[in-house]
Each structure stands twice: as C-alpha cells, then as structure tokens.
C-alpha atoms as a PDB file:
ATOM      1  CA  MET A   1      66.162  13.382  48.791  1.00  0.00           C
ATOM      2  CA  SER A   2      65.790   9.644  48.682  1.00  0.00           C
ATOM      3  CA  GLY A   3      65.484   7.865  45.350  1.00  0.00           C
ATOM      4  CA  TYR A   4      61.760   7.431  45.962  1.00  0.00           C
ATOM      5  CA  GLU A   5      61.322  11.155  46.743  1.00  0.00           C
ATOM      6  CA  LEU A   6      63.322  12.089  43.641  1.00  0.00           C
ATOM      7  CA  ALA A   7      61.169   9.807  41.467  1.00  0.00           C
ATOM      8  CA  LYS A   8      57.954  11.323  42.847  1.00  0.00           C
ATOM      9  CA  THR A   9      59.274  14.878  42.385  1.00  0.00           C
ATOM     10  CA  PHE A  10      60.426  13.970  38.878  1.00  0.00           C
ATOM     11  CA  ASP A  11      56.959  12.637  38.003  1.00  0.00           C
ATOM     12  CA  SER A  12      55.258  15.875  39.068  1.00  0.00           C
ATOM     13  CA  SER A  13      57.698  18.310  37.458  1.00  0.00           C
ATOM     14  CA  ILE A  14      60.352  17.316  34.915  1.00  0.00           C
ATOM     15  CA  GLY A  15      58.315  14.215  34.070  1.00  0.00           C
ATOM     16  CA  PHE A  16      55.963  16.355  31.988  1.00  0.00           C
ATOM     17  CA  PHE A  17      58.647  16.756  29.323  1.00  0.00           C
ATOM     18  CA  TRP A  18      61.257  14.074  30.050  1.00  0.00           C
ATOM     19  CA  LYS A  19      60.159  10.507  30.686  1.00  0.00           C
ATOM     20  CA  ALA A  20      62.095   8.257  33.057  1.00  0.00           C
ATOM     21  CA  ASP A  21      60.812   5.318  35.045  1.00  0.00           C
ATOM     22  CA  HIS A  22      61.813   4.815  38.656  1.00  0.00           C
ATOM     23  CA  GLN A  23      64.334   2.090  37.775  1.00  0.00           C
ATOM     24  CA  GLN A  24      66.101   4.478  35.399  1.00  0.00           C
ATOM     25  CA  ILE A  25      66.279   7.125  38.123  1.00  0.00           C
ATOM     26  CA  TYR A  26      67.872   4.611  40.516  1.00  0.00           C
ATOM     27  CA  ARG A  27      70.381   3.535  37.828  1.00  0.00           C
ATOM     28  CA  GLU A  28      71.315   7.174  37.204  1.00  0.00           C
ATOM     29  CA  LEU A  29      71.690   7.813  40.942  1.00  0.00           C
ATOM     30  CA  SER A  30      74.119   4.902  41.085  1.00  0.00           C
ATOM     31  CA  LYS A  31      76.146   6.324  38.177  1.00  0.00           C
ATOM     32  CA  LEU A  32      76.166   9.816  39.730  1.00  0.00           C
ATOM     33  CA  ARG A  33      77.368   8.352  43.014  1.00  0.00           C
ATOM     34  CA  ASP A  34      80.135   6.383  41.252  1.00  0.00           C
ATOM     35  CA  ARG A  35      81.297   9.615  39.563  1.00  0.00           C
ATOM     36  CA  GLY A  36      81.321  11.489  42.875  1.00  0.00           C
ATOM     37  CA  HIS A  37      78.540  13.851  41.812  1.00  0.00           C
ATOM     38  CA  ILE A  38      76.259  12.851  44.696  1.00  0.00           C
ATOM     39  CA  GLU A  39      76.712  11.366  48.154  1.00  0.00           C
ATOM     40  CA  GLY A  40      74.292   9.054  49.845  1.00  0.00           C
ATOM     41  CA  HIS A  41      73.792   8.676  53.565  1.00  0.00           C
ATOM     42  CA  GLU A  42      71.503   6.265  55.319  1.00  0.00           C
ATOM     43  CA  VAL A  43      68.662   7.615  57.411  1.00  0.00           C
ATOM     44  CA  VAL A  44      67.388   5.260  60.095  1.00  0.00           C
ATOM     45  CA  GLN A  45      63.597   5.064  60.266  1.00  0.00           C
ATOM     46  CA  SER A  46      61.471   3.334  62.865  1.00  0.00           C
ATOM     47  CA  GLY A  47      58.756   1.023  61.630  1.00  0.00           C
ATOM     48  CA  LYS A  48      60.015   1.205  58.024  1.00  0.00           C
ATOM     49  CA  PRO A  49      63.169   0.235  56.178  1.00  0.00           C
ATOM     50  CA  ASN A  50      66.021   2.730  56.364  1.00  0.00           C
ATOM     51  CA  LYS A  51      66.325   5.063  53.408  1.00  0.00           C
ATOM     52  CA  LEU A  52      69.277   6.405  51.477  1.00  0.00           C
ATOM     53  CA  VAL A  53      69.213  10.194  51.100  1.00  0.00           C
ATOM     54  CA  TYR A  54      71.287  11.765  48.324  1.00  0.00           C
ATOM     55  CA  THR A  55      73.017  15.143  48.322  1.00  0.00           C
ATOM     56  CA  LEU A  56      74.739  16.913  45.441  1.00  0.00           C
ATOM     57  CA  THR A  57      78.516  17.296  45.902  1.00  0.00           C
ATOM     58  CA  ALA A  58      80.680  20.243  44.810  1.00  0.00           C
ATOM     59  CA  ASP A  59      81.844  18.128  41.838  1.00  0.00           C
ATOM     60  CA  GLY A  60      78.199  17.403  41.093  1.00  0.00           C
ATOM     61  CA  ARG A  61      77.328  21.106  41.099  1.00  0.00           C
ATOM     62  CA  ALA A  62      80.236  21.784  38.727  1.00  0.00           C
ATOM     63  CA  ALA A  63      79.094  18.954  36.427  1.00  0.00           C
ATOM     64  CA  LEU A  64      75.550  20.319  36.495  1.00  0.00           C
ATOM     65  CA  ARG A  65      76.767  23.813  35.553  1.00  0.00           C
ATOM     66  CA  HIS A  66      78.886  22.312  32.742  1.00  0.00           C
ATOM     67  CA  TRP A  67      75.896  20.310  31.457  1.00  0.00           C
ATOM     68  CA  GLY A  68      73.670  23.414  31.614  1.00  0.00           C
ATOM     69  CA  ALA A  69      76.152  25.388  29.492  1.00  0.00           C
ATOM     70  CA  ARG A  70      76.126  22.842  26.645  1.00  0.00           C
ATOM     71  CA  PRO A  71      73.858  23.443  23.654  1.00  0.00           C
ATOM     72  CA  SER A  72      70.650  21.441  23.661  1.00  0.00           C
ATOM     73  CA  THR A  73      69.644  18.993  20.968  1.00  0.00           C
ATOM     74  CA  PRO A  74      66.361  19.741  19.203  1.00  0.00           C
ATOM     75  CA  PRO A  75      63.913  16.889  19.823  1.00  0.00           C
ATOM     76  CA  MET A  76      63.031  14.410  17.105  1.00  0.00           C
ATOM     77  CA  ILE A  77      59.444  13.356  16.517  1.00  0.00           C
ATOM     78  CA  LYS A  78      58.978   9.601  16.656  1.00  0.00           C
ATOM     79  CA  ASP A  79      55.269   8.925  16.405  1.00  0.00           C
ATOM     80  CA  ASP A  80      53.717   5.778  14.957  1.00  0.00           C
ATOM     81  CA  LEU A  81      50.413   7.593  14.360  1.00  0.00           C
ATOM     82  CA  LEU A  82      52.138   9.996  11.966  1.00  0.00           C
ATOM     83  CA  VAL A  83      53.670   7.049  10.123  1.00  0.00           C
ATOM     84  CA  ARG A  84      50.218   5.458   9.780  1.00  0.00           C
ATOM     85  CA  LEU A  85      48.785   8.734   8.485  1.00  0.00           C
ATOM     86  CA  CYS A  86      51.530   8.847   5.834  1.00  0.00           C
ATOM     87  CA  ALA A  87      50.206   5.510   4.620  1.00  0.00           C
ATOM     88  CA  LEU A  88      46.545   6.384   5.182  1.00  0.00           C
ATOM     89  CA  ASP A  89      45.417   4.614   2.022  1.00  0.00           C
ATOM     90  CA  SER A  90      46.705   1.313   3.471  1.00  0.00           C
ATOM     91  CA  PHE A  91      44.604   1.381   6.634  1.00  0.00           C
ATOM     92  CA  ASP A  92      41.009   1.327   7.779  1.00  0.00           C
ATOM     93  CA  VAL A  93      40.096   4.883   8.794  1.00  0.00           C
ATOM     94  CA  GLU A  94      37.930   3.960  11.800  1.00  0.00           C
ATOM     95  CA  PRO A  95      40.762   2.717  14.066  1.00  0.00           C
ATOM     96  CA  LEU A  96      42.774   5.821  13.099  1.00  0.00           C
ATOM     97  CA  ARG A  97      39.782   8.011  13.923  1.00  0.00           C
ATOM     98  CA  ALA A  98      39.510   6.319  17.340  1.00  0.00           C
ATOM     99  CA  ASP A  99      43.247   6.822  17.879  1.00  0.00           C
ATOM    100  CA  LEU A 100      42.968  10.496  16.967  1.00  0.00           C
ATOM    101  CA  MET A 101      39.996  10.929  19.316  1.00  0.00           C
ATOM    102  CA  ALA A 102      42.008   9.357  22.143  1.00  0.00           C
ATOM    103  CA  ARG A 103      44.945  11.648  21.358  1.00  0.00           C
ATOM    104  CA  LEU A 104      42.653  14.652  21.296  1.00  0.00           C
ATOM    105  CA  GLU A 105      41.293  13.818  24.749  1.00  0.00           C
ATOM    106  CA  HIS A 106      44.801  13.126  26.078  1.00  0.00           C
ATOM    107  CA  HIS A 107      46.095  16.515  24.931  1.00  0.00           C
ATOM    108  CA  ARG A 108      43.007  18.352  26.160  1.00  0.00           C
ATOM    109  CA  ASP A 109      43.458  16.690  29.569  1.00  0.00           C
ATOM    110  CA  ARG A 110      47.142  17.615  29.711  1.00  0.00           C
ATOM    111  CA  PHE A 111      46.314  21.186  28.706  1.00  0.00           C
ATOM    112  CA  ALA A 112      43.795  21.392  31.558  1.00  0.00           C
ATOM    113  CA  HIS A 113      46.354  19.879  33.957  1.00  0.00           C
ATOM    114  CA  TYR A 114      49.031  22.413  32.948  1.00  0.00           C
ATOM    115  CA  GLU A 115      46.475  25.191  33.293  1.00  0.00           C
ATOM    116  CA  ARG A 116      45.636  24.067  36.860  1.00  0.00           C
ATOM    117  CA  ILE A 117      49.345  23.998  37.753  1.00  0.00           C
ATOM    118  CA  LEU A 118      49.869  27.430  36.187  1.00  0.00           C
ATOM    119  CA  ASN A 119      46.939  28.928  38.105  1.00  0.00           C
ATOM    120  CA  LYS A 120      48.128  27.340  41.360  1.00  0.00           C
ATOM    121  CA  LEU A 121      51.820  28.284  41.088  1.00  0.00           C
ATOM    122  CA  PHE A 122      51.452  31.569  39.195  1.00  0.00           C
ATOM    123  CA  PRO A 123      47.977  33.018  39.845  1.00  0.00           C
ATOM    124  CA  ASP A 124      49.148  36.413  38.551  1.00  0.00           C
ATOM    125  CA  GLY A 125      51.111  34.876  35.662  1.00  0.00           C
ATOM    126  CA  VAL A 126      54.326  36.373  37.061  1.00  0.00           C
ATOM    127  CA  ALA A 127      57.532  34.645  38.164  1.00  0.00           C
ATOM    128  CA  THR A 128      59.350  36.227  41.114  1.00  0.00           C
ATOM    129  CA  THR A 129      62.572  34.156  41.094  1.00  0.00           C
ATOM    130  CA  VAL A 130      64.921  32.780  38.453  1.00  0.00           C
ATOM    131  CA  ALA A 131      63.785  29.229  39.307  1.00  0.00           C
ATOM    132  CA  ASP A 132      60.151  30.276  38.936  1.00  0.00           C
ATOM    133  CA  THR A 133      60.916  31.881  35.572  1.00  0.00           C
ATOM    134  CA  GLY A 134      62.130  28.511  34.297  1.00  0.00           C
ATOM    135  CA  LYS A 135      59.041  26.731  35.626  1.00  0.00           C
ATOM    136  CA  LEU A 136      56.725  29.363  34.156  1.00  0.00           C
ATOM    137  CA  LEU A 137      58.397  29.118  30.742  1.00  0.00           C
ATOM    138  CA  GLY A 138      58.107  25.326  30.864  1.00  0.00           C
ATOM    139  CA  LEU A 139      54.414  25.547  31.694  1.00  0.00           C
ATOM    140  CA  ARG A 140      53.798  28.057  28.911  1.00  0.00           C
ATOM    141  CA  ILE A 141      55.411  25.889  26.246  1.00  0.00           C
ATOM    142  CA  GLY A 142      53.564  22.880  27.648  1.00  0.00           C
ATOM    143  CA  LEU A 143      50.256  24.732  27.315  1.00  0.00           C
ATOM    144  CA  ARG A 144      51.042  25.851  23.782  1.00  0.00           C
ATOM    145  CA  HIS A 145      52.165  22.374  22.759  1.00  0.00           C
ATOM    146  CA  GLU A 146      49.078  20.667  24.155  1.00  0.00           C
ATOM    147  CA  ARG A 147      46.757  23.238  22.558  1.00  0.00           C
ATOM    148  CA  MET A 148      48.530  22.950  19.196  1.00  0.00           C
ATOM    149  CA  VAL A 149      48.433  19.144  19.173  1.00  0.00           C
ATOM    150  CA  ALA A 150      44.755  19.129  20.194  1.00  0.00           C
ATOM    151  CA  GLU A 151      43.982  21.533  17.338  1.00  0.00           C
ATOM    152  CA  TRP A 152      45.959  19.332  14.942  1.00  0.00           C
ATOM    153  CA  CYS A 153      43.988  16.271  16.112  1.00  0.00           C
ATOM    154  CA  GLU A 154      40.757  18.135  15.359  1.00  0.00           C
ATOM    155  CA  GLU A 155      42.120  19.069  11.913  1.00  0.00           C
ATOM    156  CA  ALA A 156      43.198  15.479  11.228  1.00  0.00           C
ATOM    157  CA  LEU A 157      39.807  14.112  12.298  1.00  0.00           C
ATOM    158  CA  SER A 158      38.099  16.548   9.977  1.00  0.00           C
ATOM    159  CA  ALA A 159      40.487  15.773   7.101  1.00  0.00           C
ATOM    160  CA  ILE A 160      40.100  11.991   7.220  1.00  0.00           C
ATOM    161  CA  SER A 161      36.334  12.483   7.067  1.00  0.00           C
ATOM    162  CA  LYS A 162      36.494  14.457   3.789  1.00  0.00           C
ATOM    163  CA  PRO A 163      37.171  13.363   0.236  1.00  0.00           C
ATOM    164  CA  PRO A 164      40.748  13.865  -1.012  1.00  0.00           C
ATOM    165  CA  GLY A 165      41.496  17.377  -2.295  1.00  0.00           C
ATOM    166  CA  VAL A 166      39.019  19.188  -0.037  1.00  0.00           C
ATOM    167  CA  LEU A 167      41.593  19.681   2.729  1.00  0.00           C
ATOM    168  CA  LEU A 168      44.092  21.309   0.374  1.00  0.00           C
ATOM    169  CA  LEU A 169      41.489  23.681  -1.029  1.00  0.00           C
ATOM    170  CA  GLU A 170      40.364  24.749   2.481  1.00  0.00           C
ATOM    171  CA  ASP A 171      43.992  25.216   3.602  1.00  0.00           C
ATOM    172  CA  CYS A 172      44.726  27.461   0.614  1.00  0.00           C
ATOM    173  CA  ARG A 173      41.647  29.585   1.333  1.00  0.00           C
ATOM    174  CA  ARG A 174      42.539  29.864   5.010  1.00  0.00           C
ATOM    175  CA  GLU A 175      46.138  30.899   4.217  1.00  0.00           C
ATOM    176  CA  ASN A 176      45.050  33.492   1.663  1.00  0.00           C
ATOM    177  CA  ASN A 177      42.388  34.991   3.948  1.00  0.00           C
ATOM    178  CA  GLY A 178      44.153  34.545   7.271  1.00  0.00           C
END
C-alpha cells in the first residue's frame, strides 16, 4: 500500500484503539524502510503524482513475528476529566456535567459505530479465519469498553447531582443486593 492507503486503512481499523496521525505513519514508514523491514517502489500514475507503494520484506515479517511474541504493556489511564473529578470540590459542577454529557454521547456513538461494523463484518457473530478472530475480539472489547464508559458517565452524572454520601449508600445497597 501507499502511505496514504495505509493511513486510511489505519483510521478505519487499528485507529479505533491506537491513535496515530498521518505524519506519524509516514515517519514510521521511513524508519521501517531504513531498517530494511519494508521496501518502497514508485508507481507511475497518469494525471496525478506518482505514488510510493510499500511492501513488507522477509526481515520485516521476522521483526513483526518477534514483536508479536513480546508481552504487551497494560495501558495507563491518562484522563484530565478524572483528575478534575478527584478535585470536584474545587470546580463548578455545570462545566463538568456538560463534559460528562459530551463524553456520554461520544461513547454511545462509538458503541453504535462498533455495533454497525460488527453486524456488517460478522452478521452471525462468528469468525471463520484466524485474522477474523482477532478482528472480532477487538470489536467485542471495543463494544464492552464503550458500553462500560457510557454507563460510568451516567453514574457520574447522577452522582454529581446528589448530595455527598448518597452515592456511597446506594452503592452499598446495590452491592449487597446484586
């Protein structure tokens, strides 16, 4: 693929759980090429500028397999909204409420988007290849994550609307009955 095609593919697949702008993708392509992990060849186009199409090399496939065998690093949460909620008594609640409402809508929208992708790619909910299994698992965790964060936003909106102490009492009742 060309760098542009890779960036577009990235945005509609891996981009759901790993953010990279197009400039970063081009920088990484340059590094991969310098390491011998990819090759680029120019494709002549009429009426448009020529494009550089990249192909994975044997060394690149080996590096990819090596990278895939390494243990992953659990993600760290870095969220300014959570920091503001930790200092809730220092802020006006209304802007936080608006922020939570926006987050709620964002996560509901992403949930609906993942659901559309799931229904399009896996109408029966079944993966038929190893590659599809990975995509299906990614979609399932994406759905669960978006649902969980949307539910948390609803809980947070409810909690900041109540007097202190009420949330803890309701949580204890829910845990003991649930």
